[in-house]
Amino acid sequence: MKSQVNSNNKKLHILRPLSPHLPIYKPQLTSTFPISHRISGASLVTIVLFFYLLCLKIGLICFTYENFYLFFFYSSKLILIAVEITALALSYHLYNGVRHLLTDFSFEKKD
C-alpha cells in the first residue's frame, strides 16, 4: 500500500509544473529594456566584427576598386536593408544607453 502511495506521489510530482508562476508572468519594462539593450549591443558588435574581418580579408581593394564599391553599396538591396536595420539597432542602443545613464543619476520621470 505504501509503495503505491509513493508511486502516485512520484507521478504527481512529475506532472506538476516546475515554475507555476511563469505562465502568469508579465514582462516589465525594467527587465525588457536591459535585455533588448544587450541584444542590440551584441548585434552591433557582430556587424562591426564582420565588416572588420571582411576588410582584413579583402584588404584596401574594397575602398579603392570602384566596381566592388558600386556593387557592394549601391546595387544590392540586401545591403540597404542591413544598413537600415543596423541604423535602427544603433539608434535604439544609443537612446536606451542615455536613458539608462539618466536613471542612474536619478533624472527619472516623476509621475
N, C-alpha and C. Protein backbone atom coordinates (compact mmCIF):
# COMPACT_ATOMS: atom_id res chain seq x y z
N MET A 1 0.82 -1.20 0.00
CA MET A 1 0.00 0.00 0.00
C MET A 1 0.86 1.26 0.00
N LYS A 2 1.92 1.23 0.81
CA LYS A 2 2.77 2.40 0.91
C LYS A 2 3.54 2.64 -0.39
N SER A 3 3.96 1.57 -1.05
CA SER A 3 4.67 1.72 -2.32
C SER A 3 3.76 2.31 -3.40
N GLN A 4 2.49 1.96 -3.34
CA GLN A 4 1.54 2.52 -4.31
C GLN A 4 1.35 4.02 -4.06
N VAL A 5 1.32 4.43 -2.81
CA VAL A 5 1.19 5.86 -2.47
C VAL A 5 2.43 6.61 -2.93
N ASN A 6 3.61 6.02 -2.73
CA ASN A 6 4.85 6.65 -3.17
C ASN A 6 4.90 6.79 -4.69
N SER A 7 4.44 5.76 -5.40
CA SER A 7 4.44 5.84 -6.87
C SER A 7 3.45 6.89 -7.36
N ASN A 8 2.30 7.01 -6.68
CA ASN A 8 1.34 8.06 -7.05
C ASN A 8 1.92 9.45 -6.77
N ASN A 9 2.63 9.60 -5.66
CA ASN A 9 3.26 10.88 -5.35
C ASN A 9 4.32 11.24 -6.38
N LYS A 10 5.08 10.24 -6.83
CA LYS A 10 6.11 10.48 -7.85
C LYS A 10 5.46 10.91 -9.16
N LYS A 11 4.35 10.27 -9.53
CA LYS A 11 3.65 10.64 -10.76
C LYS A 11 3.13 12.07 -10.68
N LEU A 12 2.56 12.41 -9.53
CA LEU A 12 2.05 13.77 -9.36
C LEU A 12 3.19 14.78 -9.37
N HIS A 13 4.32 14.41 -8.79
CA HIS A 13 5.47 15.31 -8.77
C HIS A 13 6.02 15.54 -10.18
N ILE A 14 6.01 14.50 -11.00
CA ILE A 14 6.49 14.62 -12.37
C ILE A 14 5.54 15.49 -13.20
N LEU A 15 4.25 15.35 -13.00
CA LEU A 15 3.27 16.09 -13.79
C LEU A 15 3.12 17.55 -13.33
N ARG A 16 3.61 17.87 -12.15
CA ARG A 16 3.48 19.22 -11.65
C ARG A 16 4.46 20.15 -12.38
N PRO A 17 4.05 21.35 -12.74
CA PRO A 17 4.97 22.26 -13.43
C PRO A 17 6.11 22.69 -12.51
N LEU A 18 7.25 22.98 -13.13
CA LEU A 18 8.42 23.37 -12.35
C LEU A 18 8.25 24.75 -11.73
N SER A 19 7.75 25.69 -12.50
CA SER A 19 7.58 27.06 -12.02
C SER A 19 6.15 27.49 -12.31
N PRO A 20 5.26 27.37 -11.36
CA PRO A 20 3.87 27.72 -11.65
C PRO A 20 3.65 29.21 -11.87
N HIS A 21 4.60 30.05 -11.48
CA HIS A 21 4.42 31.48 -11.67
C HIS A 21 4.79 31.94 -13.08
N LEU A 22 5.51 31.14 -13.84
CA LEU A 22 5.94 31.57 -15.17
C LEU A 22 4.81 31.74 -16.18
N PRO A 23 3.78 30.90 -16.20
CA PRO A 23 2.72 31.13 -17.18
C PRO A 23 1.94 32.43 -16.95
N ILE A 24 1.94 32.93 -15.74
CA ILE A 24 1.20 34.17 -15.48
C ILE A 24 2.12 35.37 -15.36
N TYR A 25 3.41 35.19 -15.68
CA TYR A 25 4.38 36.28 -15.57
C TYR A 25 4.16 37.28 -16.69
N LYS A 26 4.13 38.55 -16.35
CA LYS A 26 4.03 39.62 -17.34
C LYS A 26 5.37 40.35 -17.39
N PRO A 27 5.98 40.46 -18.57
CA PRO A 27 7.26 41.16 -18.65
C PRO A 27 7.11 42.63 -18.25
N GLN A 28 8.08 43.12 -17.51
CA GLN A 28 8.07 44.50 -17.06
C GLN A 28 9.06 45.30 -17.88
N LEU A 29 8.87 46.60 -17.93
CA LEU A 29 9.78 47.46 -18.68
C LEU A 29 11.18 47.43 -18.09
N THR A 30 11.27 47.32 -16.77
CA THR A 30 12.59 47.32 -16.15
C THR A 30 13.40 46.07 -16.49
N SER A 31 12.77 45.01 -16.92
CA SER A 31 13.51 43.83 -17.35
C SER A 31 13.61 43.74 -18.87
N THR A 32 12.65 44.31 -19.58
CA THR A 32 12.65 44.22 -21.04
C THR A 32 13.69 45.14 -21.67
N PHE A 33 13.83 46.36 -21.17
CA PHE A 33 14.79 47.30 -21.75
C PHE A 33 16.24 46.82 -21.64
N PRO A 34 16.72 46.36 -20.48
CA PRO A 34 18.11 45.89 -20.44
C PRO A 34 18.38 44.67 -21.32
N ILE A 35 17.41 43.78 -21.41
CA ILE A 35 17.60 42.60 -22.26
C ILE A 35 17.70 43.01 -23.73
N SER A 36 16.81 43.88 -24.18
CA SER A 36 16.87 44.32 -25.58
C SER A 36 18.09 45.20 -25.83
N HIS A 37 18.56 45.92 -24.81
CA HIS A 37 19.78 46.73 -24.94
C HIS A 37 20.98 45.82 -25.18
N ARG A 38 21.05 44.73 -24.45
CA ARG A 38 22.16 43.79 -24.63
C ARG A 38 22.08 43.09 -25.98
N ILE A 39 20.87 42.76 -26.42
CA ILE A 39 20.71 42.10 -27.72
C ILE A 39 21.14 43.04 -28.84
N SER A 40 20.73 44.32 -28.77
CA SER A 40 21.12 45.27 -29.81
C SER A 40 22.62 45.51 -29.78
N GLY A 41 23.22 45.57 -28.59
CA GLY A 41 24.67 45.74 -28.50
C GLY A 41 25.43 44.56 -29.08
N ALA A 42 24.95 43.36 -28.80
CA ALA A 42 25.60 42.16 -29.34
C ALA A 42 25.47 42.11 -30.86
N SER A 43 24.33 42.51 -31.39
CA SER A 43 24.18 42.51 -32.85
C SER A 43 25.07 43.56 -33.49
N LEU A 44 25.22 44.72 -32.86
CA LEU A 44 26.11 45.75 -33.40
C LEU A 44 27.57 45.30 -33.39
N VAL A 45 27.99 44.65 -32.32
CA VAL A 45 29.35 44.13 -32.25
C VAL A 45 29.58 43.07 -33.32
N THR A 46 28.60 42.23 -33.56
CA THR A 46 28.71 41.20 -34.59
C THR A 46 28.85 41.82 -35.97
N ILE A 47 28.07 42.85 -36.24
CA ILE A 47 28.13 43.51 -37.55
C ILE A 47 29.47 44.20 -37.76
N VAL A 48 29.95 44.92 -36.74
CA VAL A 48 31.24 45.60 -36.85
C VAL A 48 32.37 44.58 -37.03
N LEU A 49 32.33 43.49 -36.28
CA LEU A 49 33.36 42.46 -36.40
C LEU A 49 33.33 41.82 -37.79
N PHE A 50 32.14 41.58 -38.33
CA PHE A 50 32.03 41.00 -39.66
C PHE A 50 32.66 41.92 -40.72
N PHE A 51 32.32 43.21 -40.67
CA PHE A 51 32.88 44.12 -41.67
C PHE A 51 34.37 44.34 -41.47
N TYR A 52 34.84 44.29 -40.23
CA TYR A 52 36.27 44.40 -39.98
C TYR A 52 37.01 43.21 -40.57
N LEU A 53 36.50 42.01 -40.34
CA LEU A 53 37.13 40.82 -40.90
C LEU A 53 37.03 40.80 -42.42
N LEU A 54 35.94 41.31 -42.97
CA LEU A 54 35.80 41.40 -44.42
C LEU A 54 36.86 42.34 -45.00
N CYS A 55 37.07 43.48 -44.36
CA CYS A 55 38.08 44.42 -44.84
C CYS A 55 39.49 43.85 -44.67
N LEU A 56 39.72 43.07 -43.62
CA LEU A 56 41.03 42.42 -43.47
C LEU A 56 41.26 41.39 -44.56
N LYS A 57 40.22 40.65 -44.91
CA LYS A 57 40.35 39.60 -45.92
C LYS A 57 40.57 40.21 -47.31
N ILE A 58 39.80 41.23 -47.63
CA ILE A 58 39.89 41.82 -48.96
C ILE A 58 41.05 42.79 -49.06
N GLY A 59 41.33 43.49 -47.98
CA GLY A 59 42.40 44.47 -47.99
C GLY A 59 41.87 45.83 -48.43
N LEU A 60 42.76 46.68 -48.87
CA LEU A 60 42.37 48.03 -49.26
C LEU A 60 41.63 48.09 -50.59
N ILE A 61 41.54 46.97 -51.29
CA ILE A 61 40.85 46.97 -52.58
C ILE A 61 39.37 47.30 -52.41
N CYS A 62 38.81 47.00 -51.24
CA CYS A 62 37.39 47.29 -51.05
C CYS A 62 37.12 48.79 -50.98
N PHE A 63 38.14 49.59 -50.70
CA PHE A 63 37.95 51.03 -50.66
C PHE A 63 38.42 51.72 -51.93
N THR A 64 39.18 51.04 -52.77
CA THR A 64 39.72 51.68 -53.97
C THR A 64 39.15 51.15 -55.27
N TYR A 65 38.71 49.92 -55.29
CA TYR A 65 38.21 49.32 -56.52
C TYR A 65 36.78 49.78 -56.75
N GLU A 66 36.56 50.55 -57.78
CA GLU A 66 35.27 51.23 -58.00
C GLU A 66 34.13 50.25 -58.26
N ASN A 67 34.36 49.21 -59.05
CA ASN A 67 33.28 48.26 -59.34
C ASN A 67 32.83 47.52 -58.08
N PHE A 68 33.79 47.14 -57.25
CA PHE A 68 33.43 46.48 -56.00
C PHE A 68 32.64 47.42 -55.11
N TYR A 69 33.06 48.66 -55.05
CA TYR A 69 32.37 49.66 -54.23
C TYR A 69 30.94 49.87 -54.72
N LEU A 70 30.76 49.99 -56.02
CA LEU A 70 29.42 50.19 -56.57
C LEU A 70 28.54 48.96 -56.35
N PHE A 71 29.10 47.79 -56.57
CA PHE A 71 28.31 46.57 -56.36
C PHE A 71 27.92 46.40 -54.90
N PHE A 72 28.87 46.62 -54.02
CA PHE A 72 28.66 46.31 -52.60
C PHE A 72 27.73 47.29 -51.91
N PHE A 73 27.75 48.54 -52.31
CA PHE A 73 26.98 49.55 -51.59
C PHE A 73 25.75 50.06 -52.33
N TYR A 74 25.67 49.94 -53.63
CA TYR A 74 24.56 50.56 -54.35
C TYR A 74 23.62 49.57 -55.04
N SER A 75 24.11 48.46 -55.51
CA SER A 75 23.24 47.59 -56.30
C SER A 75 22.54 46.51 -55.48
N SER A 76 22.99 46.24 -54.31
CA SER A 76 22.41 45.15 -53.54
C SER A 76 21.34 45.67 -52.58
N LYS A 77 20.13 45.18 -52.74
CA LYS A 77 19.03 45.58 -51.86
C LYS A 77 19.21 45.01 -50.46
N LEU A 78 19.85 43.87 -50.37
CA LEU A 78 20.06 43.25 -49.07
C LEU A 78 20.97 44.10 -48.19
N ILE A 79 21.97 44.70 -48.79
CA ILE A 79 22.87 45.56 -48.03
C ILE A 79 22.13 46.79 -47.53
N LEU A 80 21.24 47.34 -48.34
CA LEU A 80 20.48 48.51 -47.90
C LEU A 80 19.57 48.18 -46.72
N ILE A 81 18.96 47.01 -46.77
CA ILE A 81 18.11 46.58 -45.65
C ILE A 81 18.97 46.36 -44.41
N ALA A 82 20.15 45.77 -44.58
CA ALA A 82 21.04 45.54 -43.44
C ALA A 82 21.52 46.85 -42.83
N VAL A 83 21.77 47.84 -43.67
CA VAL A 83 22.19 49.15 -43.16
C VAL A 83 21.05 49.81 -42.39
N GLU A 84 19.83 49.68 -42.87
CA GLU A 84 18.68 50.25 -42.15
C GLU A 84 18.47 49.57 -40.81
N ILE A 85 18.59 48.25 -40.77
CA ILE A 85 18.43 47.53 -39.51
C ILE A 85 19.56 47.89 -38.54
N THR A 86 20.77 48.04 -39.07
CA THR A 86 21.89 48.44 -38.23
C THR A 86 21.69 49.84 -37.68
N ALA A 87 21.19 50.76 -38.49
CA ALA A 87 20.92 52.11 -38.01
C ALA A 87 19.83 52.11 -36.95
N LEU A 88 18.83 51.28 -37.14
CA LEU A 88 17.77 51.17 -36.13
C LEU A 88 18.32 50.61 -34.82
N ALA A 89 19.14 49.58 -34.90
CA ALA A 89 19.74 49.00 -33.69
C ALA A 89 20.68 49.99 -33.01
N LEU A 90 21.43 50.74 -33.81
CA LEU A 90 22.35 51.73 -33.25
C LEU A 90 21.60 52.85 -32.55
N SER A 91 20.54 53.35 -33.17
CA SER A 91 19.78 54.43 -32.54
C SER A 91 19.09 53.94 -31.27
N TYR A 92 18.53 52.72 -31.31
CA TYR A 92 17.90 52.18 -30.10
C TYR A 92 18.93 52.01 -28.99
N HIS A 93 20.09 51.46 -29.34
CA HIS A 93 21.12 51.22 -28.35
C HIS A 93 21.62 52.54 -27.75
N LEU A 94 21.77 53.56 -28.58
CA LEU A 94 22.23 54.86 -28.11
C LEU A 94 21.21 55.50 -27.18
N TYR A 95 19.96 55.56 -27.60
CA TYR A 95 18.94 56.22 -26.78
C TYR A 95 18.64 55.44 -25.50
N ASN A 96 18.69 54.14 -25.56
CA ASN A 96 18.47 53.35 -24.36
C ASN A 96 19.65 53.50 -23.40
N GLY A 97 20.86 53.64 -23.92
CA GLY A 97 22.02 53.88 -23.06
C GLY A 97 21.94 55.23 -22.38
N VAL A 98 21.49 56.26 -23.10
CA VAL A 98 21.31 57.58 -22.49
C VAL A 98 20.22 57.52 -21.43
N ARG A 99 19.13 56.82 -21.70
CA ARG A 99 18.06 56.68 -20.71
C ARG A 99 18.58 55.96 -19.47
N HIS A 100 19.41 54.95 -19.68
CA HIS A 100 19.97 54.21 -18.55
C HIS A 100 20.88 55.11 -17.71
N LEU A 101 21.69 55.92 -18.37
CA LEU A 101 22.55 56.84 -17.62
C LEU A 101 21.74 57.87 -16.84
N LEU A 102 20.67 58.36 -17.45
CA LEU A 102 19.84 59.34 -16.75
C LEU A 102 19.15 58.73 -15.54
N THR A 103 18.71 57.50 -15.65
CA THR A 103 18.09 56.87 -14.48
C THR A 103 19.12 56.52 -13.42
N ASP A 104 20.37 56.25 -13.82
CA ASP A 104 21.42 56.01 -12.83
C ASP A 104 21.73 57.27 -12.02
N PHE A 105 21.63 58.42 -12.67
CA PHE A 105 21.90 59.68 -11.98
C PHE A 105 20.63 60.33 -11.44
N SER A 106 19.58 59.56 -11.31
CA SER A 106 18.31 59.97 -10.68
C SER A 106 17.60 61.10 -11.41
N PHE A 107 17.65 61.09 -12.72
CA PHE A 107 16.87 62.04 -13.51
C PHE A 107 15.64 61.33 -14.06
N GLU A 108 14.97 60.57 -13.20
CA GLU A 108 13.80 59.81 -13.63
C GLU A 108 12.61 60.73 -13.86
N LYS A 109 11.73 60.27 -14.70
CA LYS A 109 10.49 60.99 -14.94
C LYS A 109 9.55 60.74 -13.77
N LYS A 110 9.10 61.81 -13.15
CA LYS A 110 8.19 61.70 -12.00
C LYS A 110 6.76 61.70 -12.48
N ASP A 111 5.95 60.79 -11.93
CA ASP A 111 4.53 60.72 -12.31
C ASP A 111 3.69 61.57 -11.40
